[in-house]
Amino acid sequence: MKQKYFSINVWILCGVCIGLIAFTFILVAHNENMPNKINQDRDNLLGGSKTVLDRIKPIGQVNLGS
């Protein structure tokens, strides 16, 4: 009887381990190409004729129209 419970526990443990391995693989595979996409977006934003200071300058300006 103890052999049956032991084998059930071993199979449950194996199933949980396989599930964790699959989850980790999916998590890593999903984020694998993320740095390339971030660099590409950054290059597109900074690739224009404006510098970073030119892009930040309008944020602090206040227009007081009369």
Protein backbone atom coordinates (compact mmCIF):
# COMPACT_ATOMS: atom_id res chain seq x y z
CA MET A 1 0.00 0.00 0.00
CA LYS A 2 2.85 2.38 0.78
CA GLN A 3 4.36 1.61 -2.62
CA LYS A 4 1.18 2.86 -4.32
CA TYR A 5 1.18 6.17 -2.43
CA PHE A 6 4.89 6.62 -3.09
CA SER A 7 4.49 6.13 -6.82
CA ILE A 8 1.53 8.54 -6.91
CA ASN A 9 3.58 11.17 -5.09
CA VAL A 10 6.50 10.65 -7.48
CA TRP A 11 4.24 11.11 -10.51
CA ILE A 12 2.69 14.24 -9.00
CA LEU A 13 6.16 15.64 -8.32
CA CYS A 14 7.25 14.84 -11.89
CA GLY A 15 4.14 16.56 -13.28
CA VAL A 16 4.74 19.68 -11.21
CA CYS A 17 8.39 19.81 -12.31
CA ILE A 18 7.45 19.41 -15.98
CA GLY A 19 4.85 22.16 -15.58
CA LEU A 20 7.40 24.52 -14.03
CA ILE A 21 9.92 23.76 -16.77
CA ALA A 22 7.31 24.45 -19.46
CA PHE A 23 6.26 27.70 -17.76
CA THR A 24 9.87 28.85 -17.49
CA PHE A 25 10.54 28.00 -21.13
CA ILE A 26 7.49 29.94 -22.30
CA LEU A 27 8.41 32.91 -20.11
CA VAL A 28 11.97 33.04 -21.44
CA ALA A 29 11.01 32.41 -25.08
CA HIS A 30 8.42 35.20 -24.93
CA ASN A 31 10.92 37.79 -23.69
CA GLU A 32 13.88 36.66 -25.76
CA ASN A 33 13.47 39.23 -28.55
CA MET A 34 12.40 42.10 -26.28
CA PRO A 35 15.81 43.91 -26.11
CA ASN A 36 16.00 44.05 -29.91
CA LYS A 37 12.54 45.60 -30.08
CA ILE A 38 13.42 48.16 -27.40
CA ASN A 39 16.61 49.15 -29.22
CA GLN A 40 14.73 49.45 -32.50
CA ASP A 41 12.05 51.68 -30.95
CA ARG A 42 14.71 53.81 -29.26
CA ASP A 43 16.63 54.22 -32.51
CA ASN A 44 13.46 55.32 -34.28
CA LEU A 45 12.68 57.89 -31.61
CA LEU A 46 16.19 59.29 -31.38
CA GLY A 47 17.01 58.96 -35.07
CA GLY A 48 15.40 62.24 -36.09
CA SER A 49 17.01 65.65 -36.28
CA LYS A 50 16.04 66.56 -32.72
CA THR A 51 18.33 65.86 -29.80
CA VAL A 52 17.21 64.60 -26.42
CA LEU A 53 17.36 68.12 -24.96
CA ASP A 54 15.15 69.42 -27.78
CA ARG A 55 12.60 66.72 -26.97
CA ILE A 56 12.63 67.41 -23.21
CA LYS A 57 12.53 71.23 -23.42
CA PRO A 58 8.79 71.60 -24.30
CA ILE A 59 7.75 69.49 -21.31
CA GLY A 60 8.68 72.21 -18.80
CA GLN A 61 7.24 75.14 -20.73
CA VAL A 62 4.03 76.84 -19.68
CA ASN A 63 2.08 78.87 -22.24
CA LEU A 64 0.17 81.77 -20.74
CA GLY A 65 -2.17 82.98 -23.40
CA SER A 66 -3.88 86.30 -22.86
